């Protein structure tokens, strides 16, 4: 039974060779506009902030209430009423030289995968990442400083940051095992 469970889990967490989905430019602009003020708040409070991007019946995009999380995590309030959730949205909090935060985590990808949504992650260095949870990949939509940047941020503390990561590559970064 355990072997079957492990095989099933490995299939679920396998990235595909299909190119990642790219969000529409209007959606990205809206996310950048919403995350800008949250970044500043996130740095001041040293907390993550999170919520969801929703799609309305008429194609309009809007956000749930953004909630304050902890130093290293945030659980958004899932909307009810049959609203269509498009993506999770969250900040990675304030800069800390001991905590790699310039890229999404495997937990970020796993959470979005479980919920069946895409994801947006803002980093202390001002990067914006997109998570394609179906393909288990993440890529930068814009680099350092495209969102507000923590004044304490120092480029290079998290090493060389790639433009794109698979789930396995992130797992290797987190565990230190290539």
Protein backbone atom coordinates (compact mmCIF):
# COMPACT_ATOMS: atom_id res chain seq x y z
CA UNK A 1 0.00 0.00 0.00
CA UNK A 2 2.83 2.39 0.89
CA UNK A 3 4.53 1.74 -2.47
CA UNK A 4 1.32 2.57 -4.34
CA UNK A 5 0.97 5.80 -2.35
CA UNK A 6 4.57 6.80 -3.10
CA UNK A 7 4.13 6.05 -6.81
CA UNK A 8 0.92 8.08 -6.94
CA UNK A 9 2.58 11.00 -5.15
CA UNK A 10 5.56 10.92 -7.52
CA UNK A 11 3.21 11.08 -10.52
CA UNK A 12 1.35 14.04 -9.06
CA UNK A 13 4.55 15.97 -8.38
CA UNK A 14 6.16 15.30 -11.78
CA UNK A 15 6.58 18.38 -13.93
CA UNK A 16 5.54 17.91 -17.54
CA UNK A 17 7.58 18.74 -20.62
CA UNK A 18 4.79 21.02 -21.83
CA UNK A 19 5.83 24.70 -21.80
CA UNK A 20 4.40 26.63 -18.85
CA UNK A 21 1.25 28.66 -19.23
CA UNK A 22 1.78 32.42 -19.30
CA UNK A 23 -0.71 34.82 -17.72
CA UNK A 24 -2.25 37.63 -19.73
CA UNK A 25 -0.39 40.98 -19.53
CA UNK A 26 -3.49 42.70 -18.06
CA UNK A 27 -3.58 40.12 -15.27
CA UNK A 28 0.12 40.62 -14.50
CA UNK A 29 -0.32 44.42 -14.44
CA UNK A 30 -3.22 44.07 -12.00
CA UNK A 31 -1.20 41.77 -9.72
CA UNK A 32 1.78 44.17 -9.76
CA UNK A 33 -0.55 47.06 -8.90
CA UNK A 34 -2.03 45.11 -5.95
CA UNK A 35 1.25 43.68 -4.64
CA UNK A 36 3.12 47.01 -4.63
CA UNK A 37 1.51 48.40 -1.45
CA UNK A 38 1.55 44.93 0.17
CA UNK A 39 5.30 44.70 -0.35
CA UNK A 40 5.85 47.88 1.67
CA UNK A 41 3.55 46.61 4.43
CA UNK A 42 5.26 43.22 4.35
CA UNK A 43 8.68 44.82 4.88
CA UNK A 44 7.44 47.07 7.69
CA UNK A 45 5.75 44.23 9.61
CA UNK A 46 8.13 41.40 8.60
CA UNK A 47 5.10 39.29 7.70
CA UNK A 48 3.78 37.63 4.58
CA UNK A 49 0.49 38.83 3.10
CA UNK A 50 -1.73 36.69 0.92
CA UNK A 51 -5.03 36.36 -0.88
CA UNK A 52 -6.52 35.21 -4.17
CA UNK A 53 -7.05 36.62 -7.62
CA UNK A 54 -10.61 35.88 -8.74
CA UNK A 55 -12.35 35.91 -12.09
CA UNK A 56 -15.86 37.34 -12.36
CA UNK A 57 -18.66 36.12 -14.61
CA UNK A 58 -18.12 39.08 -16.95
CA UNK A 59 -14.37 38.49 -17.21
CA UNK A 60 -13.50 41.11 -14.58
CA UNK A 61 -10.57 40.35 -12.28
CA UNK A 62 -10.57 41.19 -8.59
CA UNK A 63 -8.90 40.15 -5.34
CA UNK A 64 -10.07 38.69 -2.08
CA UNK A 65 -9.14 40.49 1.12
CA UNK A 66 -5.39 40.21 1.66
CA UNK A 67 -4.64 38.71 5.06
CA UNK A 68 -1.59 39.01 7.26
CA UNK A 69 0.36 35.80 7.74
CA UNK A 70 3.44 34.93 9.75
CA UNK A 71 7.18 35.34 9.25
CA UNK A 72 7.35 32.34 6.95
CA UNK A 73 3.86 31.53 5.73
CA UNK A 74 0.37 32.77 5.04
CA UNK A 75 -2.97 31.04 4.56
CA UNK A 76 -5.44 33.04 2.48
CA UNK A 77 -9.16 32.94 3.16
CA UNK A 78 -10.73 30.77 0.46
CA UNK A 79 -13.73 32.60 -1.03
CA UNK A 80 -17.13 30.97 -1.01
CA UNK A 81 -20.11 31.43 -3.23
CA UNK A 82 -18.78 29.58 -6.25
CA UNK A 83 -16.32 32.30 -7.15
CA UNK A 84 -13.69 31.27 -9.68
CA UNK A 85 -10.24 31.34 -8.08
CA UNK A 86 -7.54 31.95 -10.69
CA UNK A 87 -4.42 32.28 -8.56
CA UNK A 88 -3.00 32.61 -5.10
CA UNK A 89 -1.07 35.83 -4.45
CA UNK A 90 1.46 36.38 -1.68
CA UNK A 91 4.53 38.26 -0.53
CA UNK A 92 7.60 36.62 0.94
CA UNK A 93 7.98 39.14 3.74
CA UNK A 94 10.97 41.24 4.72
CA UNK A 95 14.54 40.56 3.66
CA UNK A 96 16.53 38.22 5.91
CA UNK A 97 20.06 37.25 4.81
CA UNK A 98 19.62 33.81 6.45
CA UNK A 99 16.37 32.95 4.65
CA UNK A 100 16.35 32.30 0.89
CA UNK A 101 13.24 34.17 -0.29
CA UNK A 102 14.06 35.31 -3.83
CA UNK A 103 12.22 32.43 -5.44
CA UNK A 104 9.04 30.44 -4.66
CA UNK A 105 9.29 27.40 -2.42
CA UNK A 106 8.22 23.84 -3.07
CA UNK A 107 5.47 24.45 -0.52
CA UNK A 108 4.24 27.37 -2.64
CA UNK A 109 3.98 25.10 -5.68
CA UNK A 110 2.47 22.20 -3.72
CA UNK A 111 -0.19 24.43 -2.15
CA UNK A 112 -1.22 25.88 -5.51
CA UNK A 113 -1.25 22.39 -7.03
CA UNK A 114 -3.56 21.07 -4.27
CA UNK A 115 -5.94 23.98 -4.81
CA UNK A 116 -5.80 23.72 -8.60
CA UNK A 117 -4.74 27.34 -9.07
CA UNK A 118 -1.77 29.27 -10.44
CA UNK A 119 0.27 31.47 -8.11
CA UNK A 120 2.04 34.81 -7.88
CA UNK A 121 4.90 35.38 -5.43
CA UNK A 122 6.56 38.72 -4.62
CA UNK A 123 10.05 38.64 -3.12
CA UNK A 124 11.97 41.06 -0.86
CA UNK A 125 14.18 41.89 -3.85
CA UNK A 126 11.13 43.05 -5.80
CA UNK A 127 10.86 40.07 -8.14
CA UNK A 128 7.50 38.73 -9.29
CA UNK A 129 7.19 35.01 -9.95
CA UNK A 130 4.41 33.04 -11.62
CA UNK A 131 3.67 29.47 -10.57
CA UNK A 132 2.22 27.10 -13.15
CA UNK A 133 1.08 24.44 -10.69
CA UNK A 134 -0.20 22.08 -13.39
CA UNK A 135 3.28 21.81 -14.88
CA UNK A 136 5.07 22.24 -11.54
CA UNK A 137 7.27 25.10 -12.75
CA UNK A 138 7.79 28.71 -11.78
CA UNK A 139 9.31 31.59 -13.71
CA UNK A 140 10.07 35.27 -13.19
CA UNK A 141 7.62 37.69 -14.71
CA UNK A 142 9.90 40.57 -13.79
CA UNK A 143 13.25 40.86 -12.06
CA UNK A 144 14.68 42.71 -9.06
CA UNK A 145 13.05 46.05 -8.39
CA UNK A 146 9.97 45.63 -10.59
CA UNK A 147 8.02 45.63 -7.31
CA UNK A 148 9.02 47.61 -4.23
CA UNK A 149 12.28 46.27 -2.83
CA UNK A 150 13.13 45.94 0.86
CA UNK A 151 15.73 48.68 1.60
CA UNK A 152 17.80 46.04 3.46
CA UNK A 153 17.86 43.67 0.45
CA UNK A 154 21.28 42.63 -0.85
CA UNK A 155 21.42 41.02 -4.28
CA UNK A 156 23.43 37.79 -4.32
CA UNK A 157 22.70 36.51 -0.80
CA UNK A 158 20.48 33.79 -2.28
CA UNK A 159 23.08 32.93 -4.92
CA UNK A 160 22.48 33.16 -8.63
CA UNK A 161 18.72 33.31 -9.28
CA UNK A 162 17.54 31.56 -12.44
CA UNK A 163 14.70 32.86 -14.58
CA UNK A 164 12.82 29.55 -14.24
CA UNK A 165 12.74 26.56 -11.86
CA UNK A 166 11.06 23.19 -11.93
CA UNK A 167 9.71 21.67 -8.74
CA UNK A 168 12.71 19.31 -8.61
CA UNK A 169 15.18 22.18 -9.00
CA UNK A 170 13.55 24.04 -6.10
CA UNK A 171 13.59 20.88 -4.00
CA UNK A 172 17.32 20.53 -4.69
CA UNK A 173 17.90 24.17 -3.66
CA UNK A 174 15.94 23.68 -0.43
CA UNK A 175 17.58 20.40 0.56
CA UNK A 176 21.05 21.11 -0.78
CA UNK A 177 20.93 17.86 -2.78
CA UNK A 178 21.15 18.27 -6.56
